[in-house]
Every structure is written in structure tokens, then in C-alpha cells.
Amino acid sequence: MQVTPREDGDEPAAMSSRTVAQHVSPAADPDRRRLQLITAQRAYCERQQERLLKLRRKIGDLEEINTTLHAHNEQLQLVIAELAVENSTVFATSLRKNISTTEKRCIG
């Protein structure tokens, strides 16, 4: 099918997009490219903002976990200190019992 231009100079509507793209004026091409670059830049900025928000959320979550672990660690440190005192008390008591038992054997 061969398409002929109309008398009023407009291109026929049945032309393919490739044919229309070939007939775009050279002045419109830089504008199209500029618009394409602006659109790409906006999309890039939006992706970066989204990544930044995700990272900020992740930082908040990690800080919360860190606070929880720090508090738990302090509790465990207290338990260790209590057990160390108890251990030294038991050790001292058993040492005294051993000494008194040994003395009884030697004396008696």
C-alpha cells in the first residue's frame, strides 16, 4: 500500500510510527532528547530517594536492635557479677570446711 501526501500538506494518519519519526523536524529532536533526559533524571532521583528512605528505616531498625542488645548485655553482666560473688562465697565456704576437716583429722 503506497501512501500519498494529502493536498493540504499534512501527513496521512495511516503512516507507521517509524515513518512519522523520520519526518520529525530536526528542531524537535533535541527537545525530545532533552525531555527524555529530564524524565530519566527524575526517575533516577526518585529511585535514589526511595533507596535513601529504605536505608534510613534500616538504620532505625538496627539502632533499636542495638539498644535492645545493649540492655540485655548489661543484664547479663549483672548476672555474671552475682554468680562470681556466689562462686567465691561457695569456694571460701568449702575451703573452710576442708581446713576444719583436715584439722580434726590431725588433732583427733
C-alpha atoms as a PDB file:
ATOM      1  CA  MET A   1       0.000   0.000   0.000  1.00  0.00           C
ATOM      2  CA  GLN A   2       1.519   3.286  -1.057  1.00  0.00           C
ATOM      3  CA  VAL A   3       0.565   6.397   0.863  1.00  0.00           C
ATOM      4  CA  THR A   4       0.484   9.715  -0.907  1.00  0.00           C
ATOM      5  CA  PRO A   5       0.541  13.046   0.906  1.00  0.00           C
ATOM      6  CA  ARG A   6      -2.696  14.960   1.080  1.00  0.00           C
ATOM      7  CA  GLU A   7      -3.181  18.221  -0.746  1.00  0.00           C
ATOM      8  CA  ASP A   8      -3.201  20.281   2.451  1.00  0.00           C
ATOM      9  CA  GLY A   9       0.369  19.111   3.217  1.00  0.00           C
ATOM     10  CA  ASP A  10      -0.467  17.046   6.326  1.00  0.00           C
ATOM     11  CA  GLU A  11       0.821  13.512   6.554  1.00  0.00           C
ATOM     12  CA  PRO A  12      -1.805  10.759   6.307  1.00  0.00           C
ATOM     13  CA  ALA A  13      -2.880   9.164   9.599  1.00  0.00           C
ATOM     14  CA  ALA A  14      -2.111   5.672   8.284  1.00  0.00           C
ATOM     15  CA  MET A  15       1.671   6.199   8.416  1.00  0.00           C
ATOM     16  CA  SER A  16       3.633   3.962  10.788  1.00  0.00           C
ATOM     17  CA  SER A  17       5.388   5.442  13.811  1.00  0.00           C
ATOM     18  CA  ARG A  18       8.733   4.764  12.162  1.00  0.00           C
ATOM     19  CA  THR A  19       7.773   6.823   9.157  1.00  0.00           C
ATOM     20  CA  VAL A  20       6.482   9.610  11.400  1.00  0.00           C
ATOM     21  CA  ALA A  21       9.723   9.557  13.390  1.00  0.00           C
ATOM     22  CA  GLN A  22      11.665  10.007  10.164  1.00  0.00           C
ATOM     23  CA  HIS A  23       9.626  13.109   9.321  1.00  0.00           C
ATOM     24  CA  VAL A  24      10.145  14.866  12.699  1.00  0.00           C
ATOM     25  CA  SER A  25      11.830  18.190  12.188  1.00  0.00           C
ATOM     26  CA  PRO A  26      15.460  18.449  13.338  1.00  0.00           C
ATOM     27  CA  ALA A  27      14.486  21.208  15.799  1.00  0.00           C
ATOM     28  CA  ALA A  28      12.057  18.873  17.608  1.00  0.00           C
ATOM     29  CA  ASP A  29      14.655  16.100  18.029  1.00  0.00           C
ATOM     30  CA  PRO A  30      16.804  17.959  20.628  1.00  0.00           C
ATOM     31  CA  ASP A  31      13.630  18.888  22.524  1.00  0.00           C
ATOM     32  CA  ARG A  32      12.556  15.253  22.545  1.00  0.00           C
ATOM     33  CA  ARG A  33      16.007  14.191  23.739  1.00  0.00           C
ATOM     34  CA  ARG A  34      16.019  16.898  26.429  1.00  0.00           C
ATOM     35  CA  LEU A  35      12.611  15.754  27.662  1.00  0.00           C
ATOM     36  CA  GLN A  36      13.827  12.152  27.681  1.00  0.00           C
ATOM     37  CA  LEU A  37      16.886  13.129  29.747  1.00  0.00           C
ATOM     38  CA  ILE A  38      14.757  15.103  32.210  1.00  0.00           C
ATOM     39  CA  THR A  39      12.393  12.154  32.600  1.00  0.00           C
ATOM     40  CA  ALA A  40      15.302   9.756  33.145  1.00  0.00           C
ATOM     41  CA  GLN A  41      16.857  12.103  35.691  1.00  0.00           C
ATOM     42  CA  ARG A  42      13.597  12.381  37.633  1.00  0.00           C
ATOM     43  CA  ALA A  43      13.222   8.603  37.675  1.00  0.00           C
ATOM     44  CA  TYR A  44      16.812   8.272  38.907  1.00  0.00           C
ATOM     45  CA  CYS A  45      16.221  10.831  41.671  1.00  0.00           C
ATOM     46  CA  GLU A  46      13.047   9.035  42.744  1.00  0.00           C
ATOM     47  CA  ARG A  47      14.906   5.719  42.925  1.00  0.00           C
ATOM     48  CA  GLN A  48      17.671   7.351  44.963  1.00  0.00           C
ATOM     49  CA  GLN A  49      15.132   8.897  47.348  1.00  0.00           C
ATOM     50  CA  GLU A  50      13.464   5.506  47.763  1.00  0.00           C
ATOM     51  CA  ARG A  51      16.815   3.850  48.499  1.00  0.00           C
ATOM     52  CA  LEU A  52      17.645   6.597  50.981  1.00  0.00           C
ATOM     53  CA  LEU A  53      14.338   6.106  52.797  1.00  0.00           C
ATOM     54  CA  LYS A  54      14.912   2.338  52.950  1.00  0.00           C
ATOM     55  CA  LEU A  55      18.403   2.866  54.361  1.00  0.00           C
ATOM     56  CA  ARG A  56      17.115   5.328  56.964  1.00  0.00           C
ATOM     57  CA  ARG A  57      14.464   2.819  58.031  1.00  0.00           C
ATOM     58  CA  LYS A  58      17.094   0.101  58.212  1.00  0.00           C
ATOM     59  CA  ILE A  59      19.349   2.343  60.317  1.00  0.00           C
ATOM     60  CA  GLY A  60      16.449   2.984  62.696  1.00  0.00           C
ATOM     61  CA  ASP A  61      15.731  -0.732  62.976  1.00  0.00           C
ATOM     62  CA  LEU A  62      19.395  -1.532  63.609  1.00  0.00           C
ATOM     63  CA  GLU A  63      19.677   1.207  66.238  1.00  0.00           C
ATOM     64  CA  GLU A  64      16.635  -0.235  68.006  1.00  0.00           C
ATOM     65  CA  ILE A  65      18.151  -3.731  67.906  1.00  0.00           C
ATOM     66  CA  ASN A  66      21.445  -2.328  69.178  1.00  0.00           C
ATOM     67  CA  THR A  67      19.704  -0.639  72.119  1.00  0.00           C
ATOM     68  CA  THR A  68      17.869  -3.852  72.993  1.00  0.00           C
ATOM     69  CA  LEU A  69      21.046  -5.930  72.805  1.00  0.00           C
ATOM     70  CA  HIS A  70      22.950  -3.394  74.891  1.00  0.00           C
ATOM     71  CA  ALA A  71      20.302  -3.553  77.640  1.00  0.00           C
ATOM     72  CA  HIS A  72      20.321  -7.363  77.525  1.00  0.00           C
ATOM     73  CA  ASN A  73      24.115  -7.366  77.713  1.00  0.00           C
ATOM     74  CA  GLU A  74      24.007  -5.159  80.824  1.00  0.00           C
ATOM     75  CA  GLN A  75      21.549  -7.578  82.456  1.00  0.00           C
ATOM     76  CA  LEU A  76      23.848 -10.486  81.665  1.00  0.00           C
ATOM     77  CA  GLN A  77      26.820  -8.576  83.115  1.00  0.00           C
ATOM     78  CA  LEU A  78      24.871  -8.189  86.385  1.00  0.00           C
ATOM     79  CA  VAL A  79      24.073 -11.915  86.425  1.00  0.00           C
ATOM     80  CA  ILE A  80      27.753 -12.707  85.859  1.00  0.00           C
ATOM     81  CA  ALA A  81      28.748 -10.421  88.743  1.00  0.00           C
ATOM     82  CA  GLU A  82      26.186 -12.073  91.058  1.00  0.00           C
ATOM     83  CA  LEU A  83      27.384 -15.543  90.059  1.00  0.00           C
ATOM     84  CA  ALA A  84      31.001 -14.533  90.621  1.00  0.00           C
ATOM     85  CA  VAL A  85      30.165 -13.377  94.166  1.00  0.00           C
ATOM     86  CA  GLU A  86      28.204 -16.563  94.823  1.00  0.00           C
ATOM     87  CA  ASN A  87      31.030 -18.665  93.402  1.00  0.00           C
ATOM     88  CA  SER A  88      33.645 -17.026  95.584  1.00  0.00           C
ATOM     89  CA  THR A  89      31.379 -17.437  98.642  1.00  0.00           C
ATOM     90  CA  VAL A  90      30.860 -21.132  97.932  1.00  0.00           C
ATOM     91  CA  PHE A  91      34.572 -21.606  97.283  1.00  0.00           C
ATOM     92  CA  ALA A  92      35.516 -19.871 100.544  1.00  0.00           C
ATOM     93  CA  THR A  93      32.948 -21.903 102.498  1.00  0.00           C
ATOM     94  CA  SER A  94      34.126 -25.202 101.040  1.00  0.00           C
ATOM     95  CA  LEU A  95      37.741 -24.238 101.683  1.00  0.00           C
ATOM     96  CA  ARG A  96      36.940 -23.560 105.351  1.00  0.00           C
ATOM     97  CA  LYS A  97      35.169 -26.920 105.624  1.00  0.00           C
ATOM     98  CA  ASN A  98      38.170 -28.691 104.122  1.00  0.00           C
ATOM     99  CA  ILE A  99      40.527 -26.928 106.506  1.00  0.00           C
ATOM    100  CA  SER A 100      38.394 -27.769 109.557  1.00  0.00           C
ATOM    101  CA  THR A 101      38.067 -31.390 108.431  1.00  0.00           C
ATOM    102  CA  THR A 102      41.826 -31.637 107.981  1.00  0.00           C
ATOM    103  CA  GLU A 103      42.428 -30.088 111.405  1.00  0.00           C
ATOM    104  CA  LYS A 104      40.065 -32.590 113.039  1.00  0.00           C
ATOM    105  CA  ARG A 105      41.950 -35.462 111.457  1.00  0.00           C
ATOM    106  CA  CYS A 106      45.279 -34.120 112.590  1.00  0.00           C
ATOM    107  CA  ILE A 107      44.106 -33.362 116.119  1.00  0.00           C
ATOM    108  CA  GLY A 108      41.872 -36.291 116.655  1.00  0.00           C
END
